[in-house]
Protein backbone atom coordinates (compact mmCIF):
# COMPACT_ATOMS: atom_id res chain seq x y z
CA MET A 1 0.13 0.38 -0.18
CA ASN A 2 1.22 3.86 -0.70
CA LYS A 3 2.48 4.98 2.62
CA ALA A 4 0.92 8.31 2.00
CA PHE A 5 -2.73 6.84 1.35
CA SER A 6 -1.69 4.80 3.82
CA ASN A 7 -1.03 7.64 6.23
CA LEU A 8 -4.23 8.87 5.39
CA LEU A 9 -6.54 6.10 5.92
CA HIS A 10 -5.15 5.91 9.56
CA LYS A 11 -6.56 9.43 10.44
CA PRO A 12 -8.66 8.77 13.29
CA VAL A 13 -12.04 9.96 11.59
CA ILE A 14 -11.39 8.07 8.43
CA PHE A 15 -9.75 5.33 10.16
CA ASN A 16 -12.74 4.58 12.92
CA SER A 17 -15.87 5.50 10.16
CA LEU A 18 -13.80 2.21 7.87
CA GLU A 19 -13.18 -0.15 10.47
CA LEU A 20 -16.54 0.18 11.97
CA ALA A 21 -18.61 -0.75 8.45
CA SER A 22 -15.34 -3.52 7.87
CA LYS A 23 -16.15 -5.23 10.84
CA HIS A 24 -19.73 -5.32 10.99
CA PHE A 25 -19.33 -6.60 7.06
CA GLN A 26 -16.95 -9.38 8.04
CA ILE A 27 -18.95 -10.53 11.25
CA SER A 28 -21.79 -10.91 8.87
CA LEU A 29 -20.06 -12.87 6.49
CA LEU A 30 -18.60 -15.29 9.60
CA LYS A 31 -22.07 -15.68 11.04
CA PHE A 32 -23.38 -16.84 7.78
CA TYR A 33 -20.60 -19.30 6.65
CA ARG A 34 -18.72 -19.88 9.76
CA GLN A 35 -19.72 -22.16 13.26
CA PRO A 36 -21.76 -20.39 15.34
CA GLU A 37 -18.95 -21.67 18.47
CA ALA A 38 -16.42 -19.64 16.70
CA ILE A 39 -18.30 -16.69 16.35
CA ALA A 40 -19.26 -16.65 19.59
CA VAL A 41 -15.70 -16.84 21.11
CA ILE A 42 -14.73 -13.76 18.55
CA ASP A 43 -17.32 -11.71 19.58
CA ALA A 44 -16.70 -12.02 23.34
CA ALA A 45 -12.95 -10.71 22.47
CA PHE A 46 -14.37 -7.52 20.72
CA ARG A 47 -17.01 -7.04 23.60
CA GLU A 48 -14.99 -7.99 26.53
CA ALA A 49 -11.51 -6.86 26.08
CA ASP A 50 -11.82 -5.08 22.79
CA LEU A 51 -9.50 -6.64 20.56
CA GLN A 52 -7.39 -4.96 17.89
CA MET A 53 -8.14 -7.41 15.35
CA ASN A 54 -10.46 -7.31 12.30
CA PRO A 55 -13.05 -10.46 12.40
CA LEU A 56 -11.51 -12.15 9.84
CA ASP A 57 -8.20 -11.97 11.21
CA ALA A 58 -9.58 -13.51 14.47
CA TYR A 59 -11.42 -15.84 12.61
CA SER A 60 -7.52 -17.30 10.95
CA LEU A 61 -6.31 -16.91 14.24
CA TYR A 62 -9.26 -19.69 15.71
CA SER A 63 -8.78 -21.70 13.07
CA LEU A 64 -4.91 -22.08 12.62
CA VAL A 65 -4.84 -22.45 16.42
CA ARG A 66 -7.55 -25.65 16.37
CA MET A 67 -5.20 -26.88 13.50
CA GLN A 68 -2.07 -26.50 15.54
CA ALA A 69 -2.94 -28.68 18.24
CA GLY A 70 -1.78 -31.88 17.54
CA VAL A 71 1.54 -30.42 17.13
CA PRO A 72 3.99 -31.21 20.50
CA GLY A 73 4.76 -27.89 22.43
CA SER A 74 3.65 -25.21 23.76
CA ILE A 75 1.79 -22.06 23.32
CA VAL A 76 3.14 -18.16 22.80
CA GLU A 77 1.53 -14.56 22.44
CA ILE A 78 4.37 -11.93 22.07
CA GLY A 79 1.85 -8.48 21.77
CA MET A 80 -1.23 -8.96 24.05
CA TYR A 81 -3.43 -5.49 24.76
CA ARG A 82 -6.08 -6.38 27.01
CA GLY A 83 -6.10 -10.37 26.08
CA GLY A 84 -8.44 -10.13 23.29
CA SER A 85 -6.44 -12.75 21.10
CA ALA A 86 -5.31 -14.82 24.13
CA GLY A 87 -8.52 -15.68 25.39
CA ILE A 88 -9.51 -17.11 22.06
CA ILE A 89 -6.27 -18.62 21.97
CA CYS A 90 -6.91 -20.13 25.33
CA HIS A 91 -10.42 -21.05 24.51
CA LEU A 92 -8.72 -23.42 22.36
CA LYS A 93 -5.39 -24.56 23.71
CA GLY A 94 -6.38 -27.80 25.98
CA ASP A 95 -3.63 -28.44 28.41
CA LYS A 96 -0.96 -26.81 27.06
CA LYS A 97 1.08 -24.13 28.46
CA PHE A 98 0.49 -20.75 27.47
CA TYR A 99 2.81 -18.04 27.61
CA GLY A 100 2.10 -14.24 27.26
CA PHE A 101 4.44 -11.41 26.66
CA ASP A 102 3.87 -7.51 26.37
CA THR A 103 5.78 -4.61 27.73
CA PHE A 104 2.15 -3.86 29.18
CA GLU A 105 3.08 0.17 28.71
CA GLY A 106 2.11 0.15 25.10
CA LEU A 107 4.57 0.31 22.21
CA PRO A 108 8.56 0.99 22.05
CA ARG A 109 9.64 3.95 20.34
CA ARG A 110 9.51 3.31 16.29
CA SER A 111 11.72 3.09 13.94
CA LYS A 112 12.51 4.95 10.46
CA ASP A 113 10.60 1.40 9.08
CA ASP A 114 7.90 1.95 10.79
CA GLU A 115 4.11 3.56 9.59
CA LYS A 116 4.48 7.27 11.19
CA TRP A 117 0.66 6.86 13.38
CA PHE A 118 2.72 4.59 15.79
CA ARG A 119 3.06 6.53 18.71
CA GLU A 120 5.40 4.91 22.23
CA ARG A 121 3.33 4.00 24.64
CA GLN A 122 0.52 3.31 22.32
CA TYR A 123 -1.84 0.29 23.11
CA SER A 124 -0.77 0.69 26.65
CA ALA A 125 -2.76 -2.63 28.75
CA SER A 126 -2.39 -3.48 32.53
CA GLN A 127 -0.74 -6.45 33.49
CA GLU A 128 -3.20 -7.37 36.02
CA GLY A 129 -6.84 -6.51 33.95
CA VAL A 130 -5.49 -8.96 31.14
CA ALA A 131 -4.23 -12.05 33.82
CA ALA A 132 -8.05 -11.17 35.27
CA TYR A 133 -9.52 -11.73 32.36
CA LEU A 134 -7.48 -14.88 31.64
CA ALA A 135 -7.73 -15.91 34.90
CA ASN A 136 -10.32 -18.80 34.52
CA PHE A 137 -7.93 -20.75 32.13
CA PRO A 138 -4.91 -22.92 33.44
CA GLY A 139 -1.68 -22.49 32.21
CA VAL A 140 -1.57 -19.68 31.84
CA THR A 141 2.25 -17.18 32.32
CA LEU A 142 2.07 -13.89 31.90
CA THR A 143 5.46 -11.84 31.70
CA LYS A 144 6.41 -7.90 31.27
CA GLY A 145 9.14 -6.59 29.44
CA ILE A 146 10.53 -6.06 25.85
CA PHE A 147 10.84 -9.31 24.03
CA PRO A 148 13.01 -10.89 23.48
CA GLU A 149 14.87 -9.74 26.29
CA SER A 150 11.83 -11.17 28.26
CA GLY A 151 11.54 -14.48 26.41
CA SER A 152 14.16 -16.21 28.80
CA LEU A 153 11.51 -18.82 30.09
CA LEU A 154 11.31 -20.04 26.92
CA ASN A 155 14.37 -21.44 27.32
CA GLY A 156 14.31 -25.39 27.28
CA GLU A 157 10.25 -25.18 25.68
CA ARG A 158 9.47 -26.01 22.15
CA LEU A 159 6.63 -24.12 20.61
CA SER A 160 3.63 -25.46 18.37
CA PHE A 161 2.00 -21.99 17.73
CA VAL A 162 2.86 -18.54 18.03
CA ASN A 163 0.69 -15.23 17.61
CA LEU A 164 3.40 -12.58 17.08
CA ASP A 165 2.01 -8.81 17.31
CA VAL A 166 4.51 -6.13 18.04
CA ASP A 167 3.84 -4.19 14.46
CA LEU A 168 7.35 -2.49 14.73
CA TYR A 169 10.69 -3.51 12.66
CA THR A 170 13.00 -3.91 15.55
CA GLY A 171 10.59 -6.27 17.76
CA MET A 172 9.71 -8.09 14.82
CA ILE A 173 12.84 -9.21 13.11
CA ASP A 174 14.03 -9.92 17.13
CA SER A 175 10.94 -11.84 17.83
CA LEU A 176 11.68 -13.97 14.76
CA ASN A 177 15.12 -14.73 15.26
CA PHE A 178 14.85 -15.74 19.00
CA LEU A 179 11.28 -18.00 18.52
CA TRP A 180 12.32 -19.76 15.30
CA GLU A 181 14.65 -22.25 16.71
CA ARG A 182 12.49 -22.99 19.41
CA MET A 183 10.04 -23.91 17.15
CA SER A 184 8.69 -27.76 17.09
CA ASP A 185 8.27 -29.76 13.39
CA ARG A 186 5.53 -28.07 11.63
CA GLY A 187 5.50 -25.11 14.34
CA LEU A 188 3.34 -22.19 13.41
CA ILE A 189 3.74 -18.89 13.91
CA LEU A 190 1.35 -15.98 13.09
CA ILE A 191 2.11 -12.52 12.13
CA HIS A 192 -0.29 -9.91 12.61
CA ASP A 193 -0.18 -6.50 10.45
CA SER A 194 2.03 -7.92 7.91
CA HIS A 195 0.84 -5.69 6.06
CA LEU A 196 2.72 -2.92 7.66
CA GLY A 197 6.35 -1.48 6.12
CA GLY A 198 8.20 -2.22 9.35
CA VAL A 199 6.79 -5.91 9.66
CA LYS A 200 6.73 -6.37 6.08
CA LYS A 201 10.91 -5.84 5.84
CA ALA A 202 10.70 -7.95 8.77
CA VAL A 203 9.75 -10.97 7.47
CA ILE A 204 11.22 -10.72 4.45
CA GLU A 205 14.93 -10.17 5.87
CA PHE A 206 14.09 -13.22 7.94
CA LEU A 207 12.99 -15.44 4.92
CA ARG A 208 15.93 -14.89 3.46
CA SER A 209 18.55 -16.60 5.78
CA HIS A 210 15.71 -19.20 6.80
CA THR A 211 13.74 -21.92 5.36
CA ALA A 212 10.13 -21.45 6.13
CA MET A 213 6.78 -22.69 4.62
CA SER A 214 4.31 -19.30 4.65
CA PHE A 215 1.47 -17.99 3.52
CA ASP A 216 -1.16 -15.33 3.73
CA CYS A 217 -4.10 -15.34 5.49
CA GLY A 218 -7.02 -13.74 7.35
CA CYS A 219 -6.95 -9.80 5.69
CA SER A 220 -3.51 -9.10 6.98
CA GLN A 221 -1.56 -11.86 8.31
CA THR A 222 1.26 -13.98 7.50
CA ALA A 223 1.88 -17.17 9.03
CA LEU A 224 5.15 -18.92 8.36
CA VAL A 225 5.49 -23.09 9.31
CA ARG A 226 8.84 -24.99 10.84
CA VAL A 227 9.36 -27.91 8.08
CA SER A 228 12.75 -30.52 8.82
């Protein structure tokens, strides 16, 4: 997407109007085509935790977590905001361990590669609030800090699924490099907002030096699958 046009679309009045219309349309499509139990989980995430994801991406998340149920390893999310996407994941994770990572102070400072509408501390949320939202799910561990510096808990873990939603170039490339060797065979990393300039640059750079099966899904997601 042309950056000038993208910046125009992200002006609050325009963006909020387009987002609301798109959300209603996508929810209508999902209600018509997909199973009611999935829509109920996604709708709860929007209502209860201000899910920052369009409905088609949320359904993609739901489907891929369910698909990965038979792959051994724990589940990770980096970039939690208020826990909406984590709630979707935890409804499906069964007895797998879930590790959630966030600064819980919003976005770090952006680089020259990132969209200029991002602001430092944007998407700040309370760790205590997220913990309360996920309190009914067993095996959940939340860690505050900038990932991957905060990721030492994952040393020795094998991972079946990662939801990676960090928005910015530096966080994305550092996270991918840290996570990849910890992924199980057929383990999957789902990258949110892969259309963003910084995120896209990080994914392209990563794939130049790593062998992965990749595919686009949802509206603005890219999945990377580790294959032996």
